[in-house]
PDB file of N, CA and C in Angstrom:
ATOM      1  N   MET A   1       0.820  -1.191   0.000  1.00  0.00           N
ATOM      2  CA  MET A   1       0.000   0.000   0.000  1.00  0.00           C
ATOM      3  C   MET A   1       0.867   1.259   0.000  1.00  0.00           C
ATOM      4  N   ALA A   2       1.956   1.244   0.768  1.00  0.00           N
ATOM      5  CA  ALA A   2       2.840   2.410   0.830  1.00  0.00           C
ATOM      6  C   ALA A   2       3.502   2.662  -0.521  1.00  0.00           C
ATOM      7  N   ALA A   3       3.841   1.600  -1.218  1.00  0.00           N
ATOM      8  CA  ALA A   3       4.472   1.744  -2.537  1.00  0.00           C
ATOM      9  C   ALA A   3       3.493   2.374  -3.524  1.00  0.00           C
ATOM     10  N   PHE A   4       2.238   1.978  -3.434  1.00  0.00           N
ATOM     11  CA  PHE A   4       1.218   2.558  -4.319  1.00  0.00           C
ATOM     12  C   PHE A   4       1.043   4.043  -4.029  1.00  0.00           C
ATOM     13  N   ALA A   5       1.016   4.404  -2.757  1.00  0.00           N
ATOM     14  CA  ALA A   5       0.864   5.814  -2.373  1.00  0.00           C
ATOM     15  C   ALA A   5       2.051   6.623  -2.874  1.00  0.00           C
ATOM     16  N   LEU A   6       3.246   6.073  -2.749  1.00  0.00           N
ATOM     17  CA  LEU A   6       4.448   6.762  -3.223  1.00  0.00           C
ATOM     18  C   LEU A   6       4.409   6.920  -4.742  1.00  0.00           C
ATOM     19  N   ALA A   7       4.034   5.871  -5.440  1.00  0.00           N
ATOM     20  CA  ALA A   7       3.944   5.926  -6.902  1.00  0.00           C
ATOM     21  C   ALA A   7       2.916   6.960  -7.334  1.00  0.00           C
ATOM     22  N   SER A   8       1.820   7.032  -6.604  1.00  0.00           N
ATOM     23  CA  SER A   8       0.777   7.999  -6.910  1.00  0.00           C
ATOM     24  C   SER A   8       1.286   9.427  -6.711  1.00  0.00           C
ATOM     25  N   GLU A   9       2.050   9.656  -5.658  1.00  0.00           N
ATOM     26  CA  GLU A   9       2.611  10.978  -5.389  1.00  0.00           C
ATOM     27  C   GLU A   9       3.643  11.360  -6.452  1.00  0.00           C
ATOM     28  N   VAL A  10       4.463  10.402  -6.848  1.00  0.00           N
ATOM     29  CA  VAL A  10       5.459  10.659  -7.889  1.00  0.00           C
ATOM     30  C   VAL A  10       4.751  11.007  -9.199  1.00  0.00           C
ATOM     31  N   HIS A  11       3.712  10.264  -9.523  1.00  0.00           N
ATOM     32  CA  HIS A  11       2.941  10.545 -10.740  1.00  0.00           C
ATOM     33  C   HIS A  11       2.351  11.955 -10.699  1.00  0.00           C
ATOM     34  N   GLU A  12       1.796  12.329  -9.556  1.00  0.00           N
ATOM     35  CA  GLU A  12       1.217  13.664  -9.400  1.00  0.00           C
ATOM     36  C   GLU A  12       2.284  14.752  -9.537  1.00  0.00           C
ATOM     37  N   LEU A  13       3.460  14.514  -8.966  1.00  0.00           N
ATOM     38  CA  LEU A  13       4.548  15.483  -9.089  1.00  0.00           C
ATOM     39  C   LEU A  13       4.989  15.642 -10.548  1.00  0.00           C
ATOM     40  N   LEU A  14       5.057  14.541 -11.265  1.00  0.00           N
ATOM     41  CA  LEU A  14       5.433  14.597 -12.678  1.00  0.00           C
ATOM     42  C   LEU A  14       4.401  15.361 -13.494  1.00  0.00           C
ATOM     43  N   GLN A  15       3.129  15.139 -13.194  1.00  0.00           N
ATOM     44  CA  GLN A  15       2.069  15.869 -13.890  1.00  0.00           C
ATOM     45  C   GLN A  15       2.174  17.360 -13.589  1.00  0.00           C
ATOM     46  N   ASN A  16       2.409  17.710 -12.333  1.00  0.00           N
ATOM     47  CA  ASN A  16       2.544  19.116 -11.953  1.00  0.00           C
ATOM     48  C   ASN A  16       3.743  19.746 -12.646  1.00  0.00           C
ATOM     49  N   SER A  17       4.814  18.987 -12.775  1.00  0.00           N
ATOM     50  CA  SER A  17       6.000  19.484 -13.463  1.00  0.00           C
ATOM     51  C   SER A  17       5.699  19.761 -14.935  1.00  0.00           C
ATOM     52  N   GLU A  18       4.970  18.859 -15.573  1.00  0.00           N
ATOM     53  CA  GLU A  18       4.594  19.052 -16.975  1.00  0.00           C
ATOM     54  C   GLU A  18       3.718  20.288 -17.130  1.00  0.00           C
ATOM     55  N   VAL A  19       2.781  20.480 -16.225  1.00  0.00           N
ATOM     56  CA  VAL A  19       1.905  21.655 -16.275  1.00  0.00           C
ATOM     57  C   VAL A  19       2.732  22.922 -16.090  1.00  0.00           C
ATOM     58  N   ALA A  20       3.665  22.891 -15.162  1.00  0.00           N
ATOM     59  CA  ALA A  20       4.516  24.059 -14.923  1.00  0.00           C
ATOM     60  C   ALA A  20       5.348  24.388 -16.160  1.00  0.00           C
ATOM     61  N   GLN A  21       5.885  23.371 -16.818  1.00  0.00           N
ATOM     62  CA  GLN A  21       6.675  23.587 -18.028  1.00  0.00           C
ATOM     63  C   GLN A  21       5.818  24.161 -19.150  1.00  0.00           C
ATOM     64  N   THR A  22       4.605  23.651 -19.286  1.00  0.00           N
ATOM     65  CA  THR A  22       3.681  24.168 -20.294  1.00  0.00           C
ATOM     66  C   THR A  22       3.327  25.620 -20.002  1.00  0.00           C
ATOM     67  N   ASN A  23       3.056  25.918 -18.737  1.00  0.00           N
ATOM     68  CA  ASN A  23       2.721  27.285 -18.350  1.00  0.00           C
ATOM     69  C   ASN A  23       3.886  28.235 -18.609  1.00  0.00           C
ATOM     70  N   THR A  24       5.096  27.778 -18.326  1.00  0.00           N
ATOM     71  CA  THR A  24       6.281  28.599 -18.567  1.00  0.00           C
ATOM     72  C   THR A  24       6.431  28.891 -20.054  1.00  0.00           C
ATOM     73  N   ALA A  25       6.257  27.875 -20.873  1.00  0.00           N
ATOM     74  CA  ALA A  25       6.357  28.066 -22.323  1.00  0.00           C
ATOM     75  C   ALA A  25       5.279  29.026 -22.815  1.00  0.00           C
ATOM     76  N   SER A  26       4.076  28.886 -22.296  1.00  0.00           N
ATOM     77  CA  SER A  26       2.984  29.779 -22.693  1.00  0.00           C
ATOM     78  C   SER A  26       3.268  31.213 -22.267  1.00  0.00           C
ATOM     79  N   ALA A  27       3.815  31.389 -21.086  1.00  0.00           N
ATOM     80  CA  ALA A  27       4.137  32.732 -20.604  1.00  0.00           C
ATOM     81  C   ALA A  27       5.212  33.373 -21.460  1.00  0.00           C
ATOM     82  N   LYS A  28       6.223  32.603 -21.835  1.00  0.00           N
ATOM     83  CA  LYS A  28       7.281  33.132 -22.699  1.00  0.00           C
ATOM     84  C   LYS A  28       6.716  33.517 -24.063  1.00  0.00           C
ATOM     85  N   GLU A  29       5.875  32.674 -24.614  1.00  0.00           N
ATOM     86  CA  GLU A  29       5.267  32.969 -25.908  1.00  0.00           C
ATOM     87  C   GLU A  29       4.392  34.218 -25.820  1.00  0.00           C
ATOM     88  N   SER A  30       3.629  34.339 -24.748  1.00  0.00           N
ATOM     89  CA  SER A  30       2.778  35.514 -24.551  1.00  0.00           C
ATOM     90  C   SER A  30       3.611  36.787 -24.446  1.00  0.00           C
ATOM     91  N   ALA A  31       4.735  36.707 -23.770  1.00  0.00           N
ATOM     92  CA  ALA A  31       5.613  37.867 -23.637  1.00  0.00           C
ATOM     93  C   ALA A  31       6.158  38.293 -24.994  1.00  0.00           C
ATOM     94  N   GLU A  32       6.550  37.327 -25.819  1.00  0.00           N
ATOM     95  CA  GLU A  32       7.056  37.642 -27.161  1.00  0.00           C
ATOM     96  C   GLU A  32       5.966  38.256 -28.031  1.00  0.00           C
ATOM     97  N   VAL A  33       4.773  37.708 -27.968  1.00  0.00           N
ATOM     98  CA  VAL A  33       3.654  38.244 -28.744  1.00  0.00           C
ATOM     99  C   VAL A  33       3.327  39.658 -28.272  1.00  0.00           C
ATOM    100  N   SER A  34       3.376  39.870 -26.980  1.00  0.00           N
ATOM    101  CA  SER A  34       3.115  41.198 -26.424  1.00  0.00           C
ATOM    102  C   SER A  34       4.127  42.215 -26.931  1.00  0.00           C
ATOM    103  N   LYS A  35       5.397  41.830 -26.959  1.00  0.00           N
ATOM    104  CA  LYS A  35       6.433  42.729 -27.478  1.00  0.00           C
ATOM    105  C   LYS A  35       6.184  43.052 -28.942  1.00  0.00           C
ATOM    106  N   GLU A  36       5.818  42.052 -29.719  1.00  0.00           N
ATOM    107  CA  GLU A  36       5.558  42.254 -31.141  1.00  0.00           C
ATOM    108  C   GLU A  36       4.350  43.174 -31.341  1.00  0.00           C
ATOM    109  N   LEU A  37       3.287  42.950 -30.591  1.00  0.00           N
ATOM    110  CA  LEU A  37       2.106  43.805 -30.719  1.00  0.00           C
ATOM    111  C   LEU A  37       2.415  45.236 -30.316  1.00  0.00           C
ATOM    112  N   SER A  38       3.227  45.404 -29.305  1.00  0.00           N
ATOM    113  CA  SER A  38       3.621  46.743 -28.875  1.00  0.00           C
ATOM    114  C   SER A  38       4.400  47.453 -29.977  1.00  0.00           C
ATOM    115  N   ALA A  39       5.314  46.739 -30.607  1.00  0.00           N
ATOM    116  CA  ALA A  39       6.085  47.320 -31.707  1.00  0.00           C
ATOM    117  C   ALA A  39       5.169  47.686 -32.875  1.00  0.00           C
ATOM    118  N   GLN A  40       4.209  46.825 -33.166  1.00  0.00           N
ATOM    119  CA  GLN A  40       3.272  47.119 -34.247  1.00  0.00           C
ATOM    120  C   GLN A  40       2.408  48.328 -33.906  1.00  0.00           C
ATOM    121  N   ALA A  41       1.988  48.448 -32.658  1.00  0.00           N
ATOM    122  CA  ALA A  41       1.179  49.597 -32.237  1.00  0.00           C
ATOM    123  C   ALA A  41       1.973  50.894 -32.377  1.00  0.00           C
ATOM    124  N   LEU A  42       3.234  50.864 -32.007  1.00  0.00           N
ATOM    125  CA  LEU A  42       4.076  52.057 -32.167  1.00  0.00           C
ATOM    126  C   LEU A  42       4.212  52.430 -33.640  1.00  0.00           C
ATOM    127  N   ARG A  43       4.403  51.439 -34.485  1.00  0.00           N
ATOM    128  CA  ARG A  43       4.522  51.686 -35.929  1.00  0.00           C
ATOM    129  C   ARG A  43       3.228  52.249 -36.491  1.00  0.00           C
ATOM    130  N   LEU A  44       2.102  51.674 -36.101  1.00  0.00           N
ATOM    131  CA  LEU A  44       0.809  52.152 -36.567  1.00  0.00           C
ATOM    132  C   LEU A  44       0.572  53.585 -36.105  1.00  0.00           C
ATOM    133  N   ASN A  45       0.902  53.863 -34.857  1.00  0.00           N
ATOM    134  CA  ASN A  45       0.750  55.220 -34.328  1.00  0.00           C
ATOM    135  C   ASN A  45       1.592  56.204 -35.141  1.00  0.00           C
ATOM    136  N   SER A  46       2.800  55.805 -35.495  1.00  0.00           N
ATOM    137  CA  SER A  46       3.675  56.648 -36.297  1.00  0.00           C
ATOM    138  C   SER A  46       3.064  56.904 -37.669  1.00  0.00           C
ATOM    139  N   LEU A  47       2.488  55.878 -38.260  1.00  0.00           N
ATOM    140  CA  LEU A  47       1.896  56.020 -39.596  1.00  0.00           C
ATOM    141  C   LEU A  47       0.662  56.916 -39.580  1.00  0.00           C
ATOM    142  N   ILE A  48      -0.225  56.712 -38.616  1.00  0.00           N
ATOM    143  CA  ILE A  48      -1.462  57.498 -38.620  1.00  0.00           C
ATOM    144  C   ILE A  48      -1.254  58.919 -38.098  1.00  0.00           C
ATOM    145  N   SER A  49      -0.141  59.170 -37.438  1.00  0.00           N
ATOM    146  CA  SER A  49       0.114  60.527 -36.945  1.00  0.00           C
ATOM    147  C   SER A  49       0.356  61.496 -38.098  1.00  0.00           C
ATOM    148  N   ARG A  50       0.600  60.971 -39.283  1.00  0.00           N
ATOM    149  CA  ARG A  50       0.834  61.814 -40.462  1.00  0.00           C
ATOM    150  C   ARG A  50      -0.466  62.384 -41.023  1.00  0.00           C
ATOM    151  N   PHE A  51      -1.587  61.774 -40.672  1.00  0.00           N
ATOM    152  CA  PHE A  51      -2.877  62.221 -41.200  1.00  0.00           C
ATOM    153  C   PHE A  51      -3.454  63.309 -40.316  1.00  0.00           C
ATOM    154  N   ARG A  52      -4.025  64.305 -40.944  1.00  0.00           N
ATOM    155  CA  ARG A  52      -4.665  65.405 -40.238  1.00  0.00           C
ATOM    156  C   ARG A  52      -6.065  65.616 -40.821  1.00  0.00           C
ATOM    157  N   ILE A  53      -7.021  65.828 -39.974  1.00  0.00           N
ATOM    158  CA  ILE A  53      -8.373  66.157 -40.409  1.00  0.00           C
ATOM    159  C   ILE A  53      -8.485  67.664 -40.477  1.00  0.00           C
ATOM    160  N   SER A  54      -8.931  68.151 -41.646  1.00  0.00           N
ATOM    161  CA  SER A  54      -9.068  69.604 -41.752  1.00  0.00           C
ATOM    162  C   SER A  54     -10.507  70.022 -41.932  1.00  0.00           C
TER     163      SER A  54
END
């Protein structure tokens, strides 16, 4: 019974580790996308600042 409990805990730890790795990868990807969107927003702002309504 103790071996089963230990195996179950090890399995749970491995699953948590996989989730943590997935979350880390997602966070890194989100940060890169955020940087890219910010750069695009700055570029768009620069482009539309040339237009004036008269």
